[in-house]
Amino acid sequence: MEALGLVYVASALLIGLGALGTAIGFGLLGGKLLEGSARQPEQGPALQGKMFLMAGLLDAVPMIGVGIGMYLIFVVAPGLVG
């Protein structure tokens, strides 16, 4: 029964730290976009396109973490009970 609690803690940490890392990454990414656009305003649209590409790639990290966390909760944890 103790292992069941560890699975829940592991999945919560996986989801929470993935979301925290993504939030920090989005903050840095947005700050660098504003910084680059302020230095060279004519490059603003090109930088914005690249920023959206990186934001899409960065957003995949917590989605993968949620998928693995749900796998742990719904597949691994019930196997430990029975």
N, C-alpha and C. Protein backbone atom coordinates (compact mmCIF):
# COMPACT_ATOMS: atom_id res chain seq x y z
N MET A 1 0.82 -1.19 0.00
CA MET A 1 0.00 0.00 0.00
C MET A 1 0.86 1.26 0.00
N GLU A 2 2.06 1.16 0.54
CA GLU A 2 2.96 2.31 0.57
C GLU A 2 3.41 2.70 -0.84
N ALA A 3 3.57 1.70 -1.70
CA ALA A 3 4.00 1.97 -3.08
C ALA A 3 2.93 2.73 -3.85
N LEU A 4 1.67 2.53 -3.48
CA LEU A 4 0.58 3.23 -4.15
C LEU A 4 0.69 4.73 -3.91
N GLY A 5 1.00 5.13 -2.68
CA GLY A 5 1.19 6.55 -2.38
C GLY A 5 2.37 7.14 -3.11
N LEU A 6 3.43 6.35 -3.26
CA LEU A 6 4.61 6.83 -3.99
C LEU A 6 4.30 7.06 -5.47
N VAL A 7 3.43 6.22 -6.03
CA VAL A 7 3.03 6.41 -7.43
C VAL A 7 2.28 7.72 -7.57
N TYR A 8 1.38 8.01 -6.62
CA TYR A 8 0.62 9.26 -6.69
C TYR A 8 1.53 10.48 -6.50
N VAL A 9 2.47 10.38 -5.59
CA VAL A 9 3.40 11.50 -5.38
C VAL A 9 4.28 11.69 -6.61
N ALA A 10 4.72 10.59 -7.21
CA ALA A 10 5.57 10.69 -8.40
C ALA A 10 4.82 11.33 -9.56
N SER A 11 3.56 10.94 -9.75
CA SER A 11 2.80 11.52 -10.85
C SER A 11 2.48 12.99 -10.59
N ALA A 12 2.23 13.35 -9.34
CA ALA A 12 1.98 14.76 -9.02
C ALA A 12 3.22 15.61 -9.25
N LEU A 13 4.38 15.10 -8.85
CA LEU A 13 5.63 15.82 -9.10
C LEU A 13 5.92 15.94 -10.59
N LEU A 14 5.64 14.88 -11.32
CA LEU A 14 5.88 14.88 -12.76
C LEU A 14 5.05 15.96 -13.45
N ILE A 15 3.78 16.02 -13.12
CA ILE A 15 2.89 17.01 -13.73
C ILE A 15 3.23 18.42 -13.25
N GLY A 16 3.43 18.57 -11.94
CA GLY A 16 3.68 19.90 -11.38
C GLY A 16 5.00 20.51 -11.82
N LEU A 17 6.05 19.73 -11.81
CA LEU A 17 7.36 20.28 -12.21
C LEU A 17 7.42 20.53 -13.72
N GLY A 18 6.71 19.69 -14.48
CA GLY A 18 6.63 19.96 -15.92
C GLY A 18 5.93 21.27 -16.21
N ALA A 19 4.84 21.54 -15.47
CA ALA A 19 4.12 22.80 -15.66
C ALA A 19 4.95 23.98 -15.18
N LEU A 20 5.67 23.82 -14.09
CA LEU A 20 6.52 24.90 -13.58
C LEU A 20 7.63 25.23 -14.57
N GLY A 21 8.27 24.22 -15.10
CA GLY A 21 9.33 24.44 -16.08
C GLY A 21 8.83 25.10 -17.34
N THR A 22 7.63 24.72 -17.77
CA THR A 22 7.05 25.34 -18.96
C THR A 22 6.71 26.80 -18.70
N ALA A 23 6.19 27.10 -17.52
CA ALA A 23 5.87 28.49 -17.19
C ALA A 23 7.12 29.36 -17.18
N ILE A 24 8.18 28.85 -16.62
CA ILE A 24 9.45 29.59 -16.63
C ILE A 24 9.95 29.77 -18.06
N GLY A 25 9.84 28.72 -18.87
CA GLY A 25 10.28 28.80 -20.26
C GLY A 25 9.48 29.81 -21.06
N PHE A 26 8.15 29.84 -20.85
CA PHE A 26 7.32 30.83 -21.56
C PHE A 26 7.67 32.24 -21.12
N GLY A 27 7.96 32.43 -19.86
CA GLY A 27 8.36 33.76 -19.38
C GLY A 27 9.65 34.23 -20.02
N LEU A 28 10.63 33.35 -20.06
CA LEU A 28 11.91 33.70 -20.69
C LEU A 28 11.75 33.94 -22.19
N LEU A 29 10.94 33.10 -22.82
CA LEU A 29 10.73 33.24 -24.25
C LEU A 29 10.05 34.56 -24.60
N GLY A 30 9.02 34.92 -23.84
CA GLY A 30 8.34 36.19 -24.09
C GLY A 30 9.23 37.39 -23.82
N GLY A 31 10.05 37.30 -22.78
CA GLY A 31 10.98 38.38 -22.47
C GLY A 31 12.01 38.58 -23.56
N LYS A 32 12.52 37.49 -24.08
CA LYS A 32 13.51 37.59 -25.16
C LYS A 32 12.88 38.11 -26.45
N LEU A 33 11.60 37.76 -26.68
CA LEU A 33 10.91 38.29 -27.86
C LEU A 33 10.77 39.80 -27.75
N LEU A 34 10.35 40.28 -26.60
CA LEU A 34 10.21 41.73 -26.43
C LEU A 34 11.56 42.43 -26.53
N GLU A 35 12.58 41.81 -25.97
CA GLU A 35 13.93 42.38 -26.04
C GLU A 35 14.42 42.46 -27.48
N GLY A 36 14.23 41.39 -28.23
CA GLY A 36 14.67 41.39 -29.62
C GLY A 36 13.88 42.34 -30.49
N SER A 37 12.57 42.45 -30.23
CA SER A 37 11.74 43.37 -30.99
C SER A 37 12.07 44.82 -30.66
N ALA A 38 12.48 45.08 -29.44
CA ALA A 38 12.85 46.45 -29.08
C ALA A 38 14.17 46.85 -29.73
N ARG A 39 15.09 45.88 -29.87
CA ARG A 39 16.38 46.19 -30.48
C ARG A 39 16.27 46.39 -31.99
N GLN A 40 15.49 45.50 -32.64
CA GLN A 40 15.33 45.57 -34.10
C GLN A 40 13.84 45.45 -34.44
N PRO A 41 13.13 46.55 -34.47
CA PRO A 41 11.67 46.49 -34.72
C PRO A 41 11.30 45.89 -36.08
N GLU A 42 12.16 46.01 -37.06
CA GLU A 42 11.83 45.47 -38.38
C GLU A 42 11.85 43.95 -38.39
N GLN A 43 12.51 43.34 -37.42
CA GLN A 43 12.56 41.88 -37.31
C GLN A 43 11.42 41.32 -36.45
N GLY A 44 10.52 42.17 -35.99
CA GLY A 44 9.44 41.76 -35.10
C GLY A 44 8.59 40.62 -35.62
N PRO A 45 8.07 40.70 -36.86
CA PRO A 45 7.24 39.59 -37.36
C PRO A 45 8.00 38.27 -37.50
N ALA A 46 9.25 38.32 -37.91
CA ALA A 46 10.05 37.08 -38.03
C ALA A 46 10.31 36.48 -36.65
N LEU A 47 10.62 37.34 -35.69
CA LEU A 47 10.85 36.85 -34.34
C LEU A 47 9.58 36.27 -33.74
N GLN A 48 8.44 36.89 -34.05
CA GLN A 48 7.18 36.41 -33.50
C GLN A 48 6.84 35.03 -34.06
N GLY A 49 7.09 34.81 -35.34
CA GLY A 49 6.85 33.50 -35.93
C GLY A 49 7.71 32.42 -35.30
N LYS A 50 8.97 32.75 -35.07
CA LYS A 50 9.87 31.79 -34.43
C LYS A 50 9.46 31.55 -32.97
N MET A 51 8.94 32.60 -32.32
CA MET A 51 8.50 32.46 -30.93
C MET A 51 7.31 31.50 -30.84
N PHE A 52 6.36 31.61 -31.79
CA PHE A 52 5.22 30.71 -31.77
C PHE A 52 5.63 29.27 -32.05
N LEU A 53 6.61 29.07 -32.90
CA LEU A 53 7.12 27.73 -33.15
C LEU A 53 7.74 27.14 -31.87
N MET A 54 8.56 27.93 -31.21
CA MET A 54 9.18 27.46 -29.97
C MET A 54 8.15 27.26 -28.86
N ALA A 55 7.11 28.09 -28.83
CA ALA A 55 6.06 27.94 -27.82
C ALA A 55 5.32 26.63 -28.03
N GLY A 56 5.09 26.25 -29.27
CA GLY A 56 4.45 24.97 -29.54
C GLY A 56 5.30 23.79 -29.11
N LEU A 57 6.60 23.88 -29.35
CA LEU A 57 7.49 22.81 -28.92
C LEU A 57 7.60 22.77 -27.40
N LEU A 58 7.62 23.94 -26.78
CA LEU A 58 7.73 24.02 -25.33
C LEU A 58 6.46 23.52 -24.65
N ASP A 59 5.32 23.68 -25.30
CA ASP A 59 4.05 23.26 -24.73
C ASP A 59 3.90 21.74 -24.76
N ALA A 60 4.70 21.05 -25.55
CA ALA A 60 4.62 19.59 -25.61
C ALA A 60 5.15 18.93 -24.35
N VAL A 61 6.03 19.59 -23.63
CA VAL A 61 6.64 19.00 -22.43
C VAL A 61 5.61 18.68 -21.35
N PRO A 62 4.74 19.63 -20.94
CA PRO A 62 3.78 19.24 -19.91
C PRO A 62 2.72 18.26 -20.40
N MET A 63 2.43 18.28 -21.71
CA MET A 63 1.46 17.32 -22.23
C MET A 63 2.00 15.89 -22.13
N ILE A 64 3.27 15.73 -22.41
CA ILE A 64 3.89 14.42 -22.25
C ILE A 64 3.92 14.03 -20.78
N GLY A 65 4.21 14.99 -19.89
CA GLY A 65 4.20 14.72 -18.46
C GLY A 65 2.82 14.32 -17.96
N VAL A 66 1.79 14.97 -18.44
CA VAL A 66 0.42 14.60 -18.05
C VAL A 66 0.09 13.21 -18.55
N GLY A 67 0.50 12.88 -19.76
CA GLY A 67 0.25 11.53 -20.28
C GLY A 67 0.93 10.47 -19.45
N ILE A 68 2.17 10.69 -19.09
CA ILE A 68 2.89 9.70 -18.27
C ILE A 68 2.30 9.64 -16.87
N GLY A 69 1.91 10.80 -16.31
CA GLY A 69 1.28 10.83 -14.99
C GLY A 69 -0.04 10.07 -14.98
N MET A 70 -0.85 10.25 -16.01
CA MET A 70 -2.11 9.52 -16.10
C MET A 70 -1.88 8.03 -16.27
N TYR A 71 -0.85 7.66 -17.01
CA TYR A 71 -0.49 6.25 -17.13
C TYR A 71 -0.14 5.67 -15.76
N LEU A 72 0.64 6.41 -14.99
CA LEU A 72 1.00 5.93 -13.66
C LEU A 72 -0.23 5.78 -12.76
N ILE A 73 -1.14 6.75 -12.82
CA ILE A 73 -2.31 6.73 -11.94
C ILE A 73 -3.29 5.63 -12.34
N PHE A 74 -3.58 5.51 -13.63
CA PHE A 74 -4.66 4.63 -14.07
C PHE A 74 -4.21 3.24 -14.49
N VAL A 75 -2.92 3.02 -14.74
CA VAL A 75 -2.46 1.71 -15.16
C VAL A 75 -1.57 1.06 -14.09
N VAL A 76 -0.59 1.81 -13.60
CA VAL A 76 0.36 1.24 -12.65
C VAL A 76 -0.25 1.11 -11.27
N ALA A 77 -0.93 2.17 -10.79
CA ALA A 77 -1.46 2.16 -9.43
C ALA A 77 -2.50 1.08 -9.18
N PRO A 78 -3.47 0.83 -10.09
CA PRO A 78 -4.41 -0.27 -9.82
C PRO A 78 -3.74 -1.65 -9.79
N GLY A 79 -2.64 -1.80 -10.52
CA GLY A 79 -1.91 -3.06 -10.47
C GLY A 79 -1.24 -3.30 -9.14
N LEU A 80 -0.94 -2.24 -8.41
CA LEU A 80 -0.31 -2.40 -7.10
C LEU A 80 -1.30 -2.79 -6.02
N VAL A 81 -2.57 -2.44 -6.21
CA VAL A 81 -3.58 -2.73 -5.18
C VAL A 81 -3.92 -4.21 -5.17
N GLY A 82 -4.13 -4.79 -6.34
CA GLY A 82 -4.59 -6.18 -6.40
C GLY A 82 -3.53 -7.15 -6.44
